[in-house]
Amino acid sequence: MANLMNELVSGVVESVLKEILKKAGGRTATKRQRRQTRSATTGRFKKAPATKAKPAKKQVSRRRTAASRSKTS
């Protein structure tokens, strides 16, 4: 009987600890879509003009917030 109680209590404690330590990570904002423009003559969607690739920007060190440090990837 004591063994059964011990097993029950340890199971509950384990599940509670798991729930507490679990982090809700990987939340990213949804990607916004632009509205497509239609051609005045045919009424079909216009193809977006190809944009020239810009050179990469130099990386800047930014201070991380406590919220971003606590997130898990």
N, C-alpha and C. Protein backbone atom coordinates (compact mmCIF):
# COMPACT_ATOMS: atom_id res chain seq x y z
N MET A 1 0.82 -1.20 0.00
CA MET A 1 0.00 0.00 0.00
C MET A 1 0.87 1.27 0.00
N ALA A 2 1.92 1.21 0.85
CA ALA A 2 2.83 2.37 0.92
C ALA A 2 3.54 2.56 -0.41
N ASN A 3 3.88 1.45 -1.05
CA ASN A 3 4.56 1.50 -2.35
C ASN A 3 3.65 2.16 -3.40
N LEU A 4 2.37 1.81 -3.36
CA LEU A 4 1.40 2.38 -4.29
C LEU A 4 1.26 3.89 -4.08
N MET A 5 1.20 4.31 -2.82
CA MET A 5 1.08 5.74 -2.50
C MET A 5 2.34 6.49 -2.96
N ASN A 6 3.50 5.88 -2.70
CA ASN A 6 4.77 6.48 -3.09
C ASN A 6 4.83 6.67 -4.61
N GLU A 7 4.40 5.67 -5.35
CA GLU A 7 4.41 5.71 -6.81
C GLU A 7 3.46 6.80 -7.33
N LEU A 8 2.29 6.89 -6.71
CA LEU A 8 1.30 7.89 -7.10
C LEU A 8 1.82 9.31 -6.86
N VAL A 9 2.38 9.54 -5.69
CA VAL A 9 2.91 10.87 -5.33
C VAL A 9 4.07 11.25 -6.24
N SER A 10 4.98 10.31 -6.49
CA SER A 10 6.14 10.62 -7.33
C SER A 10 5.70 10.92 -8.77
N GLY A 11 4.68 10.22 -9.24
CA GLY A 11 4.16 10.49 -10.59
C GLY A 11 3.56 11.87 -10.70
N VAL A 12 2.79 12.27 -9.69
CA VAL A 12 2.17 13.60 -9.68
C VAL A 12 3.24 14.69 -9.61
N VAL A 13 4.24 14.49 -8.74
CA VAL A 13 5.30 15.48 -8.59
C VAL A 13 6.08 15.62 -9.90
N GLU A 14 6.37 14.51 -10.56
CA GLU A 14 7.09 14.55 -11.84
C GLU A 14 6.32 15.32 -12.89
N SER A 15 5.02 15.04 -13.01
CA SER A 15 4.21 15.72 -14.02
C SER A 15 4.10 17.22 -13.75
N VAL A 16 3.99 17.58 -12.46
CA VAL A 16 3.90 19.00 -12.11
C VAL A 16 5.22 19.71 -12.42
N LEU A 17 6.34 19.08 -12.10
CA LEU A 17 7.64 19.67 -12.40
C LEU A 17 7.83 19.85 -13.90
N LYS A 18 7.41 18.84 -14.67
CA LYS A 18 7.52 18.92 -16.13
C LYS A 18 6.71 20.09 -16.66
N GLU A 19 5.52 20.27 -16.12
CA GLU A 19 4.63 21.36 -16.56
C GLU A 19 5.23 22.72 -16.22
N ILE A 20 5.84 22.83 -15.06
CA ILE A 20 6.44 24.10 -14.63
C ILE A 20 7.66 24.44 -15.48
N LEU A 21 8.49 23.44 -15.75
CA LEU A 21 9.73 23.69 -16.47
C LEU A 21 9.55 23.84 -17.97
N LYS A 22 8.38 23.44 -18.48
CA LYS A 22 8.14 23.54 -19.90
C LYS A 22 7.98 25.00 -20.31
N LYS A 23 8.65 25.39 -21.40
CA LYS A 23 8.54 26.76 -21.88
C LYS A 23 7.82 26.77 -23.21
N ALA A 24 7.01 27.77 -23.41
CA ALA A 24 6.31 27.91 -24.69
C ALA A 24 7.21 28.72 -25.62
N GLY A 25 8.03 28.06 -26.39
CA GLY A 25 8.96 28.75 -27.28
C GLY A 25 8.56 28.59 -28.73
N GLY A 26 9.29 29.23 -29.59
CA GLY A 26 9.04 29.10 -31.02
C GLY A 26 7.85 29.86 -31.52
N ARG A 27 7.48 30.93 -30.81
CA ARG A 27 6.37 31.74 -31.28
C ARG A 27 6.91 32.84 -32.18
N THR A 28 6.50 32.83 -33.44
CA THR A 28 6.91 33.87 -34.36
C THR A 28 5.68 34.55 -34.93
N ALA A 29 5.84 35.78 -35.33
CA ALA A 29 4.73 36.52 -35.90
C ALA A 29 4.36 35.92 -37.25
N THR A 30 3.09 36.02 -37.59
CA THR A 30 2.65 35.48 -38.88
C THR A 30 3.12 36.40 -39.99
N LYS A 31 3.45 35.81 -41.11
CA LYS A 31 3.95 36.58 -42.24
C LYS A 31 2.79 37.27 -42.94
N ARG A 32 2.91 38.56 -43.17
CA ARG A 32 1.86 39.32 -43.81
C ARG A 32 1.96 39.16 -45.32
N GLN A 33 0.81 39.11 -45.97
CA GLN A 33 0.79 39.01 -47.43
C GLN A 33 0.32 40.32 -48.02
N ARG A 34 0.95 40.70 -49.12
CA ARG A 34 0.53 41.90 -49.82
C ARG A 34 -0.62 41.56 -50.75
N ARG A 35 -1.48 42.52 -50.97
CA ARG A 35 -2.58 42.31 -51.91
C ARG A 35 -2.03 42.34 -53.33
N GLN A 36 -2.53 41.45 -54.17
CA GLN A 36 -2.06 41.40 -55.54
C GLN A 36 -2.85 42.40 -56.37
N THR A 37 -2.13 43.05 -57.28
CA THR A 37 -2.80 44.01 -58.17
C THR A 37 -3.17 43.30 -59.46
N ARG A 38 -4.31 43.69 -60.00
CA ARG A 38 -4.78 43.09 -61.25
C ARG A 38 -4.45 44.00 -62.43
N SER A 39 -4.21 43.38 -63.55
CA SER A 39 -3.94 44.12 -64.77
C SER A 39 -5.24 44.78 -65.23
N ALA A 40 -5.15 46.02 -65.70
CA ALA A 40 -6.35 46.75 -66.13
C ALA A 40 -6.92 46.15 -67.41
N THR A 41 -6.06 45.60 -68.27
CA THR A 41 -6.53 45.10 -69.57
C THR A 41 -7.05 43.67 -69.49
N THR A 42 -6.27 42.77 -68.89
CA THR A 42 -6.66 41.35 -68.88
C THR A 42 -7.42 40.96 -67.63
N GLY A 43 -7.22 41.68 -66.55
CA GLY A 43 -7.89 41.34 -65.30
C GLY A 43 -7.17 40.27 -64.51
N ARG A 44 -6.04 39.82 -65.01
CA ARG A 44 -5.25 38.81 -64.29
C ARG A 44 -4.29 39.49 -63.33
N PHE A 45 -3.75 38.69 -62.41
CA PHE A 45 -2.79 39.24 -61.45
C PHE A 45 -1.49 39.62 -62.15
N LYS A 46 -0.95 40.78 -61.77
CA LYS A 46 0.33 41.23 -62.33
C LYS A 46 1.46 40.51 -61.62
N LYS A 47 2.51 40.23 -62.35
CA LYS A 47 3.70 39.65 -61.73
C LYS A 47 4.52 40.78 -61.13
N ALA A 48 5.02 40.55 -59.94
CA ALA A 48 5.81 41.58 -59.27
C ALA A 48 7.14 41.74 -60.00
N PRO A 49 7.59 42.98 -60.20
CA PRO A 49 8.87 43.18 -60.87
C PRO A 49 10.02 42.65 -60.01
N ALA A 50 11.02 42.08 -60.66
CA ALA A 50 12.16 41.51 -59.93
C ALA A 50 12.97 42.64 -59.30
N THR A 51 13.26 42.52 -58.02
CA THR A 51 14.04 43.55 -57.33
C THR A 51 15.50 43.12 -57.26
N LYS A 52 16.38 44.10 -57.33
CA LYS A 52 17.82 43.81 -57.27
C LYS A 52 18.19 43.45 -55.83
N ALA A 53 19.09 42.49 -55.70
CA ALA A 53 19.54 42.06 -54.37
C ALA A 53 20.42 43.15 -53.76
N LYS A 54 20.12 43.50 -52.50
CA LYS A 54 20.93 44.50 -51.81
C LYS A 54 22.07 43.79 -51.09
N PRO A 55 23.21 44.49 -50.92
CA PRO A 55 24.30 43.86 -50.18
C PRO A 55 23.92 43.68 -48.71
N ALA A 56 24.48 42.67 -48.08
CA ALA A 56 24.14 42.35 -46.69
C ALA A 56 24.57 43.48 -45.76
N LYS A 57 23.73 43.75 -44.76
CA LYS A 57 24.06 44.78 -43.79
C LYS A 57 25.01 44.22 -42.74
N LYS A 58 25.81 45.10 -42.19
CA LYS A 58 26.73 44.69 -41.14
C LYS A 58 25.94 44.38 -39.89
N GLN A 59 26.29 43.30 -39.22
CA GLN A 59 25.55 42.91 -38.02
C GLN A 59 25.90 43.82 -36.85
N VAL A 60 24.87 44.18 -36.10
CA VAL A 60 25.05 45.06 -34.96
C VAL A 60 24.65 44.29 -33.71
N SER A 61 25.47 44.37 -32.68
CA SER A 61 25.16 43.67 -31.44
C SER A 61 24.05 44.41 -30.73
N ARG A 62 22.98 43.68 -30.38
CA ARG A 62 21.86 44.30 -29.68
C ARG A 62 21.69 43.65 -28.32
N ARG A 63 21.27 44.43 -27.38
CA ARG A 63 21.05 43.91 -26.03
C ARG A 63 19.79 43.05 -26.03
N ARG A 64 19.91 41.84 -25.52
CA ARG A 64 18.76 40.94 -25.49
C ARG A 64 17.92 41.20 -24.25
N THR A 65 16.62 41.12 -24.44
CA THR A 65 15.72 41.33 -23.30
C THR A 65 15.60 40.03 -22.50
N ALA A 66 15.11 40.14 -21.31
CA ALA A 66 14.92 38.96 -20.46
C ALA A 66 13.95 37.99 -21.11
N ALA A 67 12.93 38.52 -21.80
CA ALA A 67 11.95 37.66 -22.47
C ALA A 67 12.59 36.85 -23.58
N SER A 68 13.47 37.49 -24.35
CA SER A 68 14.10 36.76 -25.45
C SER A 68 15.11 35.74 -24.93
N ARG A 69 15.72 36.01 -23.80
CA ARG A 69 16.66 35.03 -23.23
C ARG A 69 15.94 33.81 -22.68
N SER A 70 14.71 34.02 -22.22
CA SER A 70 13.99 32.91 -21.61
C SER A 70 13.33 32.00 -22.64
N LYS A 71 13.25 32.46 -23.89
CA LYS A 71 12.63 31.63 -24.94
C LYS A 71 13.55 30.49 -25.32
N THR A 72 12.96 29.35 -25.68
CA THR A 72 13.76 28.24 -26.17
C THR A 72 13.50 28.11 -27.66
N SER A 73 14.53 27.75 -28.38
CA SER A 73 14.37 27.67 -29.83
C SER A 73 13.97 26.29 -30.28
